[in-house]
Amino acid sequence: MLIMPAHPIRLTTTSAPSFQMGVAELQIDFTGIEPDLPKAYIIAKVNKAVRAVAAYYGRFPVSSARIVIVVAAGEHGILRGTTWGKRDGFPAVTRLVIGQHTTQQEFDTDWIVTMSWFT
């Protein structure tokens, strides 16, 4: 039996402007439903995690990367993160799944965003 939501969920994919981390160019894409938090806030948190990874390695470990942020409808928190090498034309692709209703406090206490690049 297929159950459809009373109100259709509108899924979109948008790209944020890419940014440089040293010599690495990073592209961030959002897919799924619109998050409650401003995308600029989420991008700032991802940027902070990227800086931590670059500090650990002495530089960001690849020349370019794509970061896909999947926003899961009705969920809270940073749910999971995975990084693959040599995918979709990038040396690395990271997928972060976050809940639509993720709060600033949940981002502030999260470790998954940073640790996604160490797995």
C-alpha atoms as a PDB file:
ATOM      1  CA  MET A   1       0.000   0.000   0.000  1.00  0.00           C
ATOM      2  CA  LEU A   2       1.383   3.394  -0.984  1.00  0.00           C
ATOM      3  CA  ILE A   3       0.541   6.267   1.339  1.00  0.00           C
ATOM      4  CA  MET A   4       0.888   9.745  -0.074  1.00  0.00           C
ATOM      5  CA  PRO A   5       1.327  12.822   2.135  1.00  0.00           C
ATOM      6  CA  ALA A   6      -1.666  15.143   2.445  1.00  0.00           C
ATOM      7  CA  HIS A   7       0.476  17.975   1.105  1.00  0.00           C
ATOM      8  CA  PRO A   8       3.036  17.098  -1.563  1.00  0.00           C
ATOM      9  CA  ILE A   9       6.649  17.542  -0.515  1.00  0.00           C
ATOM     10  CA  ARG A  10       8.524  19.730  -2.959  1.00  0.00           C
ATOM     11  CA  LEU A  11      12.074  18.538  -3.553  1.00  0.00           C
ATOM     12  CA  THR A  12      14.624  20.862  -5.071  1.00  0.00           C
ATOM     13  CA  THR A  13      18.339  20.887  -5.807  1.00  0.00           C
ATOM     14  CA  THR A  14      20.236  24.148  -5.560  1.00  0.00           C
ATOM     15  CA  SER A  15      23.910  25.000  -5.691  1.00  0.00           C
ATOM     16  CA  ALA A  16      25.613  27.507  -3.456  1.00  0.00           C
ATOM     17  CA  PRO A  17      28.547  29.506  -4.820  1.00  0.00           C
ATOM     18  CA  SER A  18      31.682  27.400  -4.644  1.00  0.00           C
ATOM     19  CA  PHE A  19      34.417  28.501  -2.278  1.00  0.00           C
ATOM     20  CA  GLN A  20      38.171  28.064  -1.976  1.00  0.00           C
ATOM     21  CA  MET A  21      39.960  26.316   0.865  1.00  0.00           C
ATOM     22  CA  GLY A  22      43.590  26.950   0.100  1.00  0.00           C
ATOM     23  CA  VAL A  23      44.024  25.560  -3.404  1.00  0.00           C
ATOM     24  CA  ALA A  24      40.928  23.327  -3.168  1.00  0.00           C
ATOM     25  CA  GLU A  25      37.649  24.387  -4.756  1.00  0.00           C
ATOM     26  CA  LEU A  26      34.549  23.170  -2.939  1.00  0.00           C
ATOM     27  CA  GLN A  27      31.047  23.039  -4.377  1.00  0.00           C
ATOM     28  CA  ILE A  28      28.036  22.776  -2.048  1.00  0.00           C
ATOM     29  CA  ASP A  29      24.697  21.536  -3.329  1.00  0.00           C
ATOM     30  CA  PHE A  30      21.446  21.255  -1.373  1.00  0.00           C
ATOM     31  CA  THR A  31      18.824  18.685  -2.284  1.00  0.00           C
ATOM     32  CA  GLY A  32      15.547  17.683  -0.696  1.00  0.00           C
ATOM     33  CA  ILE A  33      13.160  19.928   1.143  1.00  0.00           C
ATOM     34  CA  GLU A  34      13.949  23.495   2.257  1.00  0.00           C
ATOM     35  CA  PRO A  35      15.688  23.488   5.686  1.00  0.00           C
ATOM     36  CA  ASP A  36      14.353  25.586   8.577  1.00  0.00           C
ATOM     37  CA  LEU A  37      17.815  27.079   9.156  1.00  0.00           C
ATOM     38  CA  PRO A  38      19.106  29.569   6.602  1.00  0.00           C
ATOM     39  CA  LYS A  39      21.329  27.902   4.022  1.00  0.00           C
ATOM     40  CA  ALA A  40      23.990  30.548   4.742  1.00  0.00           C
ATOM     41  CA  TYR A  41      24.192  29.266   8.342  1.00  0.00           C
ATOM     42  CA  ILE A  42      24.550  25.654   7.175  1.00  0.00           C
ATOM     43  CA  ILE A  43      27.233  26.642   4.653  1.00  0.00           C
ATOM     44  CA  ALA A  44      29.122  28.516   7.401  1.00  0.00           C
ATOM     45  CA  LYS A  45      29.084  25.362   9.567  1.00  0.00           C
ATOM     46  CA  VAL A  46      30.316  23.235   6.660  1.00  0.00           C
ATOM     47  CA  ASN A  47      33.031  25.828   5.975  1.00  0.00           C
ATOM     48  CA  LYS A  48      34.121  25.619   9.630  1.00  0.00           C
ATOM     49  CA  ALA A  49      34.345  21.825   9.367  1.00  0.00           C
ATOM     50  CA  VAL A  50      36.345  22.113   6.131  1.00  0.00           C
ATOM     51  CA  ARG A  51      38.798  24.491   7.861  1.00  0.00           C
ATOM     52  CA  ALA A  52      39.234  21.957  10.692  1.00  0.00           C
ATOM     53  CA  VAL A  53      40.008  19.195   8.182  1.00  0.00           C
ATOM     54  CA  ALA A  54      42.495  21.449   6.359  1.00  0.00           C
ATOM     55  CA  ALA A  55      44.181  22.315   9.667  1.00  0.00           C
ATOM     56  CA  TYR A  56      44.480  18.629  10.576  1.00  0.00           C
ATOM     57  CA  TYR A  57      46.055  17.647   7.233  1.00  0.00           C
ATOM     58  CA  GLY A  58      47.957  20.901   6.712  1.00  0.00           C
ATOM     59  CA  ARG A  59      45.756  21.522   3.635  1.00  0.00           C
ATOM     60  CA  PHE A  60      42.445  20.239   2.335  1.00  0.00           C
ATOM     61  CA  PRO A  61      43.247  16.679   1.198  1.00  0.00           C
ATOM     62  CA  VAL A  62      41.912  16.952  -2.392  1.00  0.00           C
ATOM     63  CA  SER A  63      42.048  19.608  -5.109  1.00  0.00           C
ATOM     64  CA  SER A  64      38.258  19.846  -5.403  1.00  0.00           C
ATOM     65  CA  ALA A  65      35.210  18.343  -3.757  1.00  0.00           C
ATOM     66  CA  ARG A  66      31.452  18.341  -3.987  1.00  0.00           C
ATOM     67  CA  ILE A  67      29.422  18.482  -0.793  1.00  0.00           C
ATOM     68  CA  VAL A  68      25.811  17.383  -1.206  1.00  0.00           C
ATOM     69  CA  ILE A  69      23.563  18.346   1.693  1.00  0.00           C
ATOM     70  CA  VAL A  70      20.418  16.219   1.669  1.00  0.00           C
ATOM     71  CA  VAL A  71      17.636  17.762   3.757  1.00  0.00           C
ATOM     72  CA  ALA A  72      15.352  15.043   5.154  1.00  0.00           C
ATOM     73  CA  ALA A  73      11.727  16.117   5.603  1.00  0.00           C
ATOM     74  CA  GLY A  74      10.420  16.209   9.164  1.00  0.00           C
ATOM     75  CA  GLU A  75      13.721  15.135  10.773  1.00  0.00           C
ATOM     76  CA  HIS A  76      16.042  16.760  13.340  1.00  0.00           C
ATOM     77  CA  GLY A  77      19.805  16.725  13.642  1.00  0.00           C
ATOM     78  CA  ILE A  78      22.796  15.791  11.531  1.00  0.00           C
ATOM     79  CA  LEU A  79      21.802  12.265  10.586  1.00  0.00           C
ATOM     80  CA  ARG A  80      24.849  10.922   8.726  1.00  0.00           C
ATOM     81  CA  GLY A  81      27.739  11.803   6.487  1.00  0.00           C
ATOM     82  CA  THR A  82      29.765   9.790   3.987  1.00  0.00           C
ATOM     83  CA  THR A  83      32.626  10.655   1.656  1.00  0.00           C
ATOM     84  CA  TRP A  84      33.568   8.778  -1.512  1.00  0.00           C
ATOM     85  CA  GLY A  85      36.657   9.183  -3.657  1.00  0.00           C
ATOM     86  CA  LYS A  86      36.602   9.813  -7.407  1.00  0.00           C
ATOM     87  CA  ARG A  87      32.877  10.240  -7.939  1.00  0.00           C
ATOM     88  CA  ASP A  88      30.814  12.384 -10.324  1.00  0.00           C
ATOM     89  CA  GLY A  89      33.955  13.974 -11.788  1.00  0.00           C
ATOM     90  CA  PHE A  90      35.283  15.097  -8.385  1.00  0.00           C
ATOM     91  CA  PRO A  91      38.238  13.671  -6.433  1.00  0.00           C
ATOM     92  CA  ALA A  92      35.850  13.503  -3.442  1.00  0.00           C
ATOM     93  CA  VAL A  93      32.092  13.728  -2.908  1.00  0.00           C
ATOM     94  CA  THR A  94      30.620  14.068   0.565  1.00  0.00           C
ATOM     95  CA  ARG A  95      26.941  13.516   1.284  1.00  0.00           C
ATOM     96  CA  LEU A  96      25.596  15.001   4.511  1.00  0.00           C
ATOM     97  CA  VAL A  97      22.035  14.154   5.532  1.00  0.00           C
ATOM     98  CA  ILE A  98      20.481  16.702   7.864  1.00  0.00           C
ATOM     99  CA  GLY A  99      16.973  17.014   9.214  1.00  0.00           C
ATOM    100  CA  GLN A 100      14.685  19.741   7.949  1.00  0.00           C
ATOM    101  CA  HIS A 101      14.138  20.927  11.536  1.00  0.00           C
ATOM    102  CA  THR A 102      17.792  20.837  12.627  1.00  0.00           C
ATOM    103  CA  THR A 103      18.540  23.586  15.143  1.00  0.00           C
ATOM    104  CA  GLN A 104      21.614  25.766  15.645  1.00  0.00           C
ATOM    105  CA  GLN A 105      22.278  23.910  18.906  1.00  0.00           C
ATOM    106  CA  GLU A 106      22.288  20.589  17.054  1.00  0.00           C
ATOM    107  CA  PHE A 107      24.839  21.980  14.587  1.00  0.00           C
ATOM    108  CA  ASP A 108      26.938  23.462  17.396  1.00  0.00           C
ATOM    109  CA  THR A 109      27.246  20.096  19.162  1.00  0.00           C
ATOM    110  CA  ASP A 110      27.662  18.006  15.988  1.00  0.00           C
ATOM    111  CA  TRP A 111      30.787  16.068  15.055  1.00  0.00           C
ATOM    112  CA  ILE A 112      29.458  14.221  11.972  1.00  0.00           C
ATOM    113  CA  VAL A 113      30.012  17.113   9.539  1.00  0.00           C
ATOM    114  CA  THR A 114      33.748  17.263  10.345  1.00  0.00           C
ATOM    115  CA  MET A 115      34.253  13.522  10.711  1.00  0.00           C
ATOM    116  CA  SER A 116      32.683  12.796   7.300  1.00  0.00           C
ATOM    117  CA  TRP A 117      36.020  13.656   5.680  1.00  0.00           C
ATOM    118  CA  PHE A 118      37.963  11.201   7.864  1.00  0.00           C
ATOM    119  CA  THR A 119      35.957   8.083   6.957  1.00  0.00           C
END
